[in-house]
Amino acid sequence: MFMNLSNQEKIDILRISKKIFICIVRHTGKDLDKLSLKTCIVKDLRISGDDVDDLVQDINRYFQIDWSSLNFKEYFDGEGFSIVEFFVF
């Protein structure tokens, strides 16, 4: 994943990741040591609905990101209980 990057690029990715992880810890209470670049926000952390919006706003405190082109429904579940998820094993 990082093999073709310069040392500075690797440092930048780690710096950015750490700030995002701190936001995730604030919103989930998860242990920072349990998070990695492979952690899935929806499946592993079960963040959805309004919680995604809160997380995005917190991340925007560090980074000015234009989220307008992201289709949130494609990546995140809506608020509330899903009967389909209940029956999927």
PDB file of N, CA and C in Angstrom:
ATOM      1  N   MET A   1       0.819  -1.201   0.000  1.00  0.00           N
ATOM      2  CA  MET A   1       0.000   0.000   0.000  1.00  0.00           C
ATOM      3  C   MET A   1       0.860   1.261   0.000  1.00  0.00           C
ATOM      4  N   PHE A   2       1.946   1.246   0.765  1.00  0.00           N
ATOM      5  CA  PHE A   2       2.784   2.441   0.889  1.00  0.00           C
ATOM      6  C   PHE A   2       4.137   2.288   0.202  1.00  0.00           C
ATOM      7  N   MET A   3       4.316   1.256  -0.545  1.00  0.00           N
ATOM      8  CA  MET A   3       5.644   0.946  -1.080  1.00  0.00           C
ATOM      9  C   MET A   3       6.187   2.007  -2.030  1.00  0.00           C
ATOM     10  N   ASN A   4       5.354   2.616  -2.830  1.00  0.00           N
ATOM     11  CA  ASN A   4       5.831   3.577  -3.828  1.00  0.00           C
ATOM     12  C   ASN A   4       5.777   5.022  -3.351  1.00  0.00           C
ATOM     13  N   LEU A   5       5.578   5.227  -2.085  1.00  0.00           N
ATOM     14  CA  LEU A   5       5.479   6.583  -1.552  1.00  0.00           C
ATOM     15  C   LEU A   5       6.810   7.035  -0.970  1.00  0.00           C
ATOM     16  N   SER A   6       7.030   8.323  -1.014  1.00  0.00           N
ATOM     17  CA  SER A   6       8.226   8.883  -0.375  1.00  0.00           C
ATOM     18  C   SER A   6       8.030   8.858   1.140  1.00  0.00           C
ATOM     19  N   ASN A   7       9.108   9.039   1.863  1.00  0.00           N
ATOM     20  CA  ASN A   7       9.014   9.079   3.326  1.00  0.00           C
ATOM     21  C   ASN A   7       8.094  10.199   3.789  1.00  0.00           C
ATOM     22  N   GLN A   8       8.163  11.349   3.135  1.00  0.00           N
ATOM     23  CA  GLN A   8       7.308  12.475   3.516  1.00  0.00           C
ATOM     24  C   GLN A   8       5.837  12.148   3.283  1.00  0.00           C
ATOM     25  N   GLU A   9       5.542  11.483   2.179  1.00  0.00           N
ATOM     26  CA  GLU A   9       4.152  11.092   1.900  1.00  0.00           C
ATOM     27  C   GLU A   9       3.637  10.107   2.947  1.00  0.00           C
ATOM     28  N   LYS A  10       4.481   9.179   3.357  1.00  0.00           N
ATOM     29  CA  LYS A  10       4.104   8.226   4.402  1.00  0.00           C
ATOM     30  C   LYS A  10       3.831   8.951   5.715  1.00  0.00           C
ATOM     31  N   ILE A  11       4.679   9.900   6.056  1.00  0.00           N
ATOM     32  CA  ILE A  11       4.497  10.690   7.280  1.00  0.00           C
ATOM     33  C   ILE A  11       3.199  11.473   7.212  1.00  0.00           C
ATOM     34  N   ASP A  12       2.903  12.068   6.065  1.00  0.00           N
ATOM     35  CA  ASP A  12       1.662  12.835   5.897  1.00  0.00           C
ATOM     36  C   ASP A  12       0.430  11.954   6.063  1.00  0.00           C
ATOM     37  N   ILE A  13       0.461  10.759   5.481  1.00  0.00           N
ATOM     38  CA  ILE A  13      -0.670   9.840   5.612  1.00  0.00           C
ATOM     39  C   ILE A  13      -0.875   9.450   7.066  1.00  0.00           C
ATOM     40  N   LEU A  14       0.190   9.165   7.774  1.00  0.00           N
ATOM     41  CA  LEU A  14       0.080   8.799   9.187  1.00  0.00           C
ATOM     42  C   LEU A  14      -0.439   9.961  10.031  1.00  0.00           C
ATOM     43  N   ARG A  15       0.001  11.168   9.729  1.00  0.00           N
ATOM     44  CA  ARG A  15      -0.456  12.357  10.463  1.00  0.00           C
ATOM     45  C   ARG A  15      -1.955  12.569  10.245  1.00  0.00           C
ATOM     46  N   ILE A  16      -2.393  12.477   8.996  1.00  0.00           N
ATOM     47  CA  ILE A  16      -3.810  12.650   8.671  1.00  0.00           C
ATOM     48  C   ILE A  16      -4.637  11.535   9.309  1.00  0.00           C
ATOM     49  N   SER A  17      -4.157  10.302   9.201  1.00  0.00           N
ATOM     50  CA  SER A  17      -4.872   9.158   9.776  1.00  0.00           C
ATOM     51  C   SER A  17      -5.046   9.316  11.274  1.00  0.00           C
ATOM     52  N   LYS A  18      -4.004   9.770  11.954  1.00  0.00           N
ATOM     53  CA  LYS A  18      -4.071   9.936  13.404  1.00  0.00           C
ATOM     54  C   LYS A  18      -5.164  10.928  13.787  1.00  0.00           C
ATOM     55  N   LYS A  19      -5.275  12.029  13.070  1.00  0.00           N
ATOM     56  CA  LYS A  19      -6.315  13.017  13.372  1.00  0.00           C
ATOM     57  C   LYS A  19      -7.706  12.445  13.127  1.00  0.00           C
ATOM     58  N   ILE A  20      -7.856  11.676  12.057  1.00  0.00           N
ATOM     59  CA  ILE A  20      -9.152  11.050  11.784  1.00  0.00           C
ATOM     60  C   ILE A  20      -9.459  10.005  12.850  1.00  0.00           C
ATOM     61  N   PHE A  21      -8.468   9.222  13.251  1.00  0.00           N
ATOM     62  CA  PHE A  21      -8.671   8.233  14.306  1.00  0.00           C
ATOM     63  C   PHE A  21      -9.094   8.900  15.610  1.00  0.00           C
ATOM     64  N   ILE A  22      -8.507  10.042  15.927  1.00  0.00           N
ATOM     65  CA  ILE A  22      -8.888  10.769  17.143  1.00  0.00           C
ATOM     66  C   ILE A  22     -10.357  11.170  17.077  1.00  0.00           C
ATOM     67  N   CYS A  23     -10.814  11.613  15.921  1.00  0.00           N
ATOM     68  CA  CYS A  23     -12.237  11.949  15.744  1.00  0.00           C
ATOM     69  C   CYS A  23     -13.105  10.712  15.960  1.00  0.00           C
ATOM     70  N   ILE A  24     -12.684   9.581  15.416  1.00  0.00           N
ATOM     71  CA  ILE A  24     -13.444   8.338  15.567  1.00  0.00           C
ATOM     72  C   ILE A  24     -13.505   7.925  17.030  1.00  0.00           C
ATOM     73  N   VAL A  25     -12.392   8.021  17.738  1.00  0.00           N
ATOM     74  CA  VAL A  25     -12.360   7.675  19.162  1.00  0.00           C
ATOM     75  C   VAL A  25     -13.321   8.558  19.947  1.00  0.00           C
ATOM     76  N   ARG A  26     -13.344   9.852  19.641  1.00  0.00           N
ATOM     77  CA  ARG A  26     -14.261  10.769  20.320  1.00  0.00           C
ATOM     78  C   ARG A  26     -15.719  10.367  20.122  1.00  0.00           C
ATOM     79  N   HIS A  27     -16.046   9.866  18.941  1.00  0.00           N
ATOM     80  CA  HIS A  27     -17.441   9.554  18.615  1.00  0.00           C
ATOM     81  C   HIS A  27     -17.859   8.135  18.977  1.00  0.00           C
ATOM     82  N   THR A  28     -16.905   7.233  19.132  1.00  0.00           N
ATOM     83  CA  THR A  28     -17.258   5.838  19.385  1.00  0.00           C
ATOM     84  C   THR A  28     -16.810   5.329  20.749  1.00  0.00           C
ATOM     85  N   GLY A  29     -15.807   5.962  21.311  1.00  0.00           N
ATOM     86  CA  GLY A  29     -15.252   5.458  22.558  1.00  0.00           C
ATOM     87  C   GLY A  29     -14.328   4.260  22.346  1.00  0.00           C
ATOM     88  N   LYS A  30     -14.078   3.907  21.086  1.00  0.00           N
ATOM     89  CA  LYS A  30     -13.185   2.779  20.785  1.00  0.00           C
ATOM     90  C   LYS A  30     -11.757   3.130  21.175  1.00  0.00           C
ATOM     91  N   ASP A  31     -10.979   2.106  21.461  1.00  0.00           N
ATOM     92  CA  ASP A  31      -9.576   2.268  21.813  1.00  0.00           C
ATOM     93  C   ASP A  31      -8.776   2.627  20.559  1.00  0.00           C
ATOM     94  N   LEU A  32      -7.987   3.675  20.631  1.00  0.00           N
ATOM     95  CA  LEU A  32      -7.179   4.133  19.500  1.00  0.00           C
ATOM     96  C   LEU A  32      -6.295   3.018  18.953  1.00  0.00           C
ATOM     97  N   ASP A  33      -5.786   2.174  19.835  1.00  0.00           N
ATOM     98  CA  ASP A  33      -4.901   1.088  19.418  1.00  0.00           C
ATOM     99  C   ASP A  33      -5.614   0.024  18.592  1.00  0.00           C
ATOM    100  N   LYS A  34      -6.940  -0.004  18.631  1.00  0.00           N
ATOM    101  CA  LYS A  34      -7.712  -1.006  17.881  1.00  0.00           C
ATOM    102  C   LYS A  34      -8.025  -0.554  16.455  1.00  0.00           C
ATOM    103  N   LEU A  35      -7.762   0.711  16.126  1.00  0.00           N
ATOM    104  CA  LEU A  35      -8.077   1.241  14.803  1.00  0.00           C
ATOM    105  C   LEU A  35      -6.894   1.076  13.858  1.00  0.00           C
ATOM    106  N   SER A  36      -7.204   0.858  12.587  1.00  0.00           N
ATOM    107  CA  SER A  36      -6.164   0.776  11.560  1.00  0.00           C
ATOM    108  C   SER A  36      -6.723   1.344  10.262  1.00  0.00           C
ATOM    109  N   LEU A  37      -5.883   1.430   9.257  1.00  0.00           N
ATOM    110  CA  LEU A  37      -6.336   1.915   7.957  1.00  0.00           C
ATOM    111  C   LEU A  37      -7.318   0.942   7.310  1.00  0.00           C
ATOM    112  N   LYS A  38      -7.412  -0.263   7.839  1.00  0.00           N
ATOM    113  CA  LYS A  38      -8.350  -1.262   7.317  1.00  0.00           C
ATOM    114  C   LYS A  38      -9.674  -1.269   8.073  1.00  0.00           C
ATOM    115  N   THR A  39      -9.806  -0.463   9.116  1.00  0.00           N
ATOM    116  CA  THR A  39     -11.043  -0.406   9.889  1.00  0.00           C
ATOM    117  C   THR A  39     -12.163   0.160   9.025  1.00  0.00           C
ATOM    118  N   CYS A  40     -13.288  -0.541   8.993  1.00  0.00           N
ATOM    119  CA  CYS A  40     -14.456  -0.098   8.226  1.00  0.00           C
ATOM    120  C   CYS A  40     -15.408   0.664   9.153  1.00  0.00           C
ATOM    121  N   ILE A  41     -15.710   1.892   8.789  1.00  0.00           N
ATOM    122  CA  ILE A  41     -16.559   2.743   9.628  1.00  0.00           C
ATOM    123  C   ILE A  41     -17.926   2.115   9.850  1.00  0.00           C
ATOM    124  N   VAL A  42     -18.517   1.554   8.810  1.00  0.00           N
ATOM    125  CA  VAL A  42     -19.867   0.988   8.924  1.00  0.00           C
ATOM    126  C   VAL A  42     -19.838  -0.390   9.573  1.00  0.00           C
ATOM    127  N   LYS A  43     -19.059  -1.309   9.027  1.00  0.00           N
ATOM    128  CA  LYS A  43     -19.091  -2.697   9.493  1.00  0.00           C
ATOM    129  C   LYS A  43     -18.389  -2.897  10.826  1.00  0.00           C
ATOM    130  N   ASP A  44     -17.213  -2.316  10.995  1.00  0.00           N
ATOM    131  CA  ASP A  44     -16.446  -2.535  12.218  1.00  0.00           C
ATOM    132  C   ASP A  44     -16.891  -1.632  13.363  1.00  0.00           C
ATOM    133  N   LEU A  45     -17.205  -0.384  13.047  1.00  0.00           N
ATOM    134  CA  LEU A  45     -17.526   0.591  14.092  1.00  0.00           C
ATOM    135  C   LEU A  45     -19.018   0.850  14.230  1.00  0.00           C
ATOM    136  N   ARG A  46     -19.804   0.368  13.259  1.00  0.00           N
ATOM    137  CA  ARG A  46     -21.265   0.519  13.269  1.00  0.00           C
ATOM    138  C   ARG A  46     -21.700   1.981  13.356  1.00  0.00           C
ATOM    139  N   ILE A  47     -21.020   2.837  12.622  1.00  0.00           N
ATOM    140  CA  ILE A  47     -21.396   4.246  12.560  1.00  0.00           C
ATOM    141  C   ILE A  47     -22.325   4.433  11.369  1.00  0.00           C
ATOM    142  N   SER A  48     -23.486   5.046  11.611  1.00  0.00           N
ATOM    143  CA  SER A  48     -24.452   5.272  10.536  1.00  0.00           C
ATOM    144  C   SER A  48     -25.308   6.488  10.865  1.00  0.00           C
ATOM    145  N   GLY A  49     -26.128   6.878   9.902  1.00  0.00           N
ATOM    146  CA  GLY A  49     -27.096   7.951  10.103  1.00  0.00           C
ATOM    147  C   GLY A  49     -26.485   9.257  10.567  1.00  0.00           C
ATOM    148  N   ASP A  50     -27.112   9.848  11.584  1.00  0.00           N
ATOM    149  CA  ASP A  50     -26.659  11.134  12.113  1.00  0.00           C
ATOM    150  C   ASP A  50     -25.255  11.063  12.698  1.00  0.00           C
ATOM    151  N   ASP A  51     -24.853   9.876  13.148  1.00  0.00           N
ATOM    152  CA  ASP A  51     -23.507   9.726  13.706  1.00  0.00           C
ATOM    153  C   ASP A  51     -22.439   9.954  12.635  1.00  0.00           C
ATOM    154  N   VAL A  52     -22.737   9.570  11.390  1.00  0.00           N
ATOM    155  CA  VAL A  52     -21.811   9.841  10.281  1.00  0.00           C
ATOM    156  C   VAL A  52     -21.675  11.344  10.088  1.00  0.00           C
ATOM    157  N   ASP A  53     -22.811  12.040  10.123  1.00  0.00           N
ATOM    158  CA  ASP A  53     -22.790  13.497   9.962  1.00  0.00           C
ATOM    159  C   ASP A  53     -21.961  14.152  11.060  1.00  0.00           C
ATOM    160  N   ASP A  54     -22.135  13.697  12.296  1.00  0.00           N
ATOM    161  CA  ASP A  54     -21.357  14.241  13.414  1.00  0.00           C
ATOM    162  C   ASP A  54     -19.863  13.982  13.224  1.00  0.00           C
ATOM    163  N   LEU A  55     -19.522  12.772  12.779  1.00  0.00           N
ATOM    164  CA  LEU A  55     -18.120  12.427  12.550  1.00  0.00           C
ATOM    165  C   LEU A  55     -17.516  13.290  11.446  1.00  0.00           C
ATOM    166  N   VAL A  56     -18.255  13.478  10.358  1.00  0.00           N
ATOM    167  CA  VAL A  56     -17.781  14.303   9.242  1.00  0.00           C
ATOM    168  C   VAL A  56     -17.544  15.741   9.700  1.00  0.00           C
ATOM    169  N   GLN A  57     -18.445  16.266  10.512  1.00  0.00           N
ATOM    170  CA  GLN A  57     -18.275  17.632  11.018  1.00  0.00           C
ATOM    171  C   GLN A  57     -17.034  17.736  11.894  1.00  0.00           C
ATOM    172  N   ASP A  58     -16.790  16.708  12.692  1.00  0.00           N
ATOM    173  CA  ASP A  58     -15.597  16.708  13.544  1.00  0.00           C
ATOM    174  C   ASP A  58     -14.329  16.645  12.688  1.00  0.00           C
ATOM    175  N   ILE A  59     -14.330  15.803  11.672  1.00  0.00           N
ATOM    176  CA  ILE A  59     -13.175  15.706  10.772  1.00  0.00           C
ATOM    177  C   ILE A  59     -12.925  17.044  10.084  1.00  0.00           C
ATOM    178  N   ASN A  60     -13.995  17.754   9.757  1.00  0.00           N
ATOM    179  CA  ASN A  60     -13.852  19.063   9.102  1.00  0.00           C
ATOM    180  C   ASN A  60     -13.189  20.106  10.000  1.00  0.00           C
ATOM    181  N   ARG A  61     -13.114  19.854  11.290  1.00  0.00           N
ATOM    182  CA  ARG A  61     -12.380  20.761  12.179  1.00  0.00           C
ATOM    183  C   ARG A  61     -10.895  20.746  11.834  1.00  0.00           C
ATOM    184  N   TYR A  62     -10.405  19.624  11.328  1.00  0.00           N
ATOM    185  CA  TYR A  62      -8.995  19.475  10.971  1.00  0.00           C
ATOM    186  C   TYR A  62      -8.731  19.699   9.488  1.00  0.00           C
ATOM    187  N   PHE A  63      -9.660  19.251   8.658  1.00  0.00           N
ATOM    188  CA  PHE A  63      -9.459  19.276   7.212  1.00  0.00           C
ATOM    189  C   PHE A  63     -10.677  19.904   6.555  1.00  0.00           C
ATOM    190  N   GLN A  64     -10.458  20.825   5.653  1.00  0.00           N
ATOM    191  CA  GLN A  64     -11.564  21.441   4.912  1.00  0.00           C
ATOM    192  C   GLN A  64     -11.838  20.584   3.676  1.00  0.00           C
ATOM    193  N   ILE A  65     -12.797  19.680   3.802  1.00  0.00           N
ATOM    194  CA  ILE A  65     -13.124  18.745   2.729  1.00  0.00           C
ATOM    195  C   ILE A  65     -14.489  19.107   2.159  1.00  0.00           C
ATOM    196  N   ASP A  66     -14.586  19.109   0.848  1.00  0.00           N
ATOM    197  CA  ASP A  66     -15.875  19.316   0.187  1.00  0.00           C
ATOM    198  C   ASP A  66     -16.519  17.945   0.003  1.00  0.00           C
ATOM    199  N   TRP A  67     -17.507  17.641   0.838  1.00  0.00           N
ATOM    200  CA  TRP A  67     -18.175  16.347   0.823  1.00  0.00           C
ATOM    201  C   TRP A  67     -19.368  16.325  -0.137  1.00  0.00           C
ATOM    202  N   SER A  68     -19.638  17.417  -0.833  1.00  0.00           N
ATOM    203  CA  SER A  68     -20.874  17.547  -1.611  1.00  0.00           C
ATOM    204  C   SER A  68     -21.011  16.514  -2.729  1.00  0.00           C
ATOM    205  N   SER A  69     -19.914  16.019  -3.265  1.00  0.00           N
ATOM    206  CA  SER A  69     -20.016  15.048  -4.359  1.00  0.00           C
ATOM    207  C   SER A  69     -20.088  13.601  -3.867  1.00  0.00           C
ATOM    208  N   LEU A  70     -19.934  13.387  -2.570  1.00  0.00           N
ATOM    209  CA  LEU A  70     -19.990  12.035  -2.023  1.00  0.00           C
ATOM    210  C   LEU A  70     -21.442  11.609  -1.836  1.00  0.00           C
ATOM    211  N   ASN A  71     -21.805  10.476  -2.389  1.00  0.00           N
ATOM    212  CA  ASN A  71     -23.140   9.920  -2.213  1.00  0.00           C
ATOM    213  C   ASN A  71     -23.145   9.114  -0.911  1.00  0.00           C
ATOM    214  N   PHE A  72     -23.555   9.744   0.185  1.00  0.00           N
ATOM    215  CA  PHE A  72     -23.503   9.108   1.497  1.00  0.00           C
ATOM    216  C   PHE A  72     -24.337   7.837   1.547  1.00  0.00           C
ATOM    217  N   LYS A  73     -25.450   7.796   0.838  1.00  0.00           N
ATOM    218  CA  LYS A  73     -26.318   6.610   0.847  1.00  0.00           C
ATOM    219  C   LYS A  73     -25.620   5.394   0.252  1.00  0.00           C
ATOM    220  N   GLU A  74     -24.637   5.638  -0.599  1.00  0.00           N
ATOM    221  CA  GLU A  74     -23.897   4.532  -1.209  1.00  0.00           C
ATOM    222  C   GLU A  74     -22.944   3.877  -0.206  1.00  0.00           C
ATOM    223  N   TYR A  75     -22.453   4.645   0.751  1.00  0.00           N
ATOM    224  CA  TYR A  75     -21.447   4.140   1.676  1.00  0.00           C
ATOM    225  C   TYR A  75     -21.936   3.957   3.109  1.00  0.00           C
ATOM    226  N   PHE A  76     -22.982   4.680   3.498  1.00  0.00           N
ATOM    227  CA  PHE A  76     -23.443   4.645   4.884  1.00  0.00           C
ATOM    228  C   PHE A  76     -24.922   4.319   4.953  1.00  0.00           C
ATOM    229  N   ASP A  77     -25.294   3.570   5.998  1.00  0.00           N
ATOM    230  CA  ASP A  77     -26.693   3.256   6.238  1.00  0.00           C
ATOM    231  C   ASP A  77     -27.391   4.462   6.830  1.00  0.00           C
ATOM    232  N   GLY A  78     -28.708   4.480   6.689  1.00  0.00           N
ATOM    233  CA  GLY A  78     -29.495   5.546   7.292  1.00  0.00           C
ATOM    234  C   GLY A  78     -29.633   5.343   8.786  1.00  0.00           C
ATOM    235  N   GLU A  79     -30.342   6.234   9.400  1.00  0.00           N
ATOM    236  CA  GLU A  79     -30.559   6.193  10.839  1.00  0.00           C
ATOM    237  C   GLU A  79     -31.553   5.085  11.171  1.00  0.00           C
ATOM    238  N   GLY A  80     -31.328   4.401  12.270  1.00  0.00           N
ATOM    239  CA  GLY A  80     -32.316   3.456  12.773  1.00  0.00           C
ATOM    240  C   GLY A  80     -32.014   2.005  12.465  1.00  0.00           C
ATOM    241  N   PHE A  81     -32.984   1.180  12.801  1.00  0.00           N
ATOM    242  CA  PHE A  81     -32.892  -0.273  12.731  1.00  0.00           C
ATOM    243  C   PHE A  81     -33.233  -0.776  11.335  1.00  0.00           C
ATOM    244  N   SER A  82     -32.473  -1.722  10.824  1.00  0.00           N
ATOM    245  CA  SER A  82     -32.747  -2.332   9.525  1.00  0.00           C
ATOM    246  C   SER A  82     -33.101  -3.798   9.727  1.00  0.00           C
ATOM    247  N   ILE A  83     -34.308  -4.176   9.335  1.00  0.00           N
ATOM    248  CA  ILE A  83     -34.749  -5.562   9.487  1.00  0.00           C
ATOM    249  C   ILE A  83     -33.888  -6.511   8.655  1.00  0.00           C
ATOM    250  N   VAL A  84     -33.380  -6.039   7.530  1.00  0.00           N
ATOM    251  CA  VAL A  84     -32.518  -6.867   6.683  1.00  0.00           C
ATOM    252  C   VAL A  84     -31.238  -7.223   7.431  1.00  0.00           C
ATOM    253  N   GLU A  85     -30.638  -6.257   8.097  1.00  0.00           N
ATOM    254  CA  GLU A  85     -29.413  -6.523   8.860  1.00  0.00           C
ATOM    255  C   GLU A  85     -29.675  -7.500   9.996  1.00  0.00           C
ATOM    256  N   PHE A  86     -30.875  -7.469  10.547  1.00  0.00           N
ATOM    257  CA  PHE A  86     -31.217  -8.345  11.664  1.00  0.00           C
ATOM    258  C   PHE A  86     -31.159  -9.810  11.242  1.00  0.00           C
ATOM    259  N   PHE A  87     -31.621 -10.108  10.027  1.00  0.00           N
ATOM    260  CA  PHE A  87     -31.703 -11.487   9.570  1.00  0.00           C
ATOM    261  C   PHE A  87     -30.478 -11.965   8.796  1.00  0.00           C
ATOM    262  N   VAL A  88     -29.544 -11.093   8.489  1.00  0.00           N
ATOM    263  CA  VAL A  88     -28.323 -11.503   7.799  1.00  0.00           C
ATOM    264  C   VAL A  88     -27.346 -12.043   8.833  1.00  0.00           C
ATOM    265  N   PHE A  89     -26.850 -13.235   8.590  1.00  0.00           N
ATOM    266  CA  PHE A  89     -25.961 -13.867   9.572  1.00  0.00           C
ATOM    267  C   PHE A  89     -24.520 -13.657   9.224  1.00  0.00           C
TER     268      PHE A  89
END
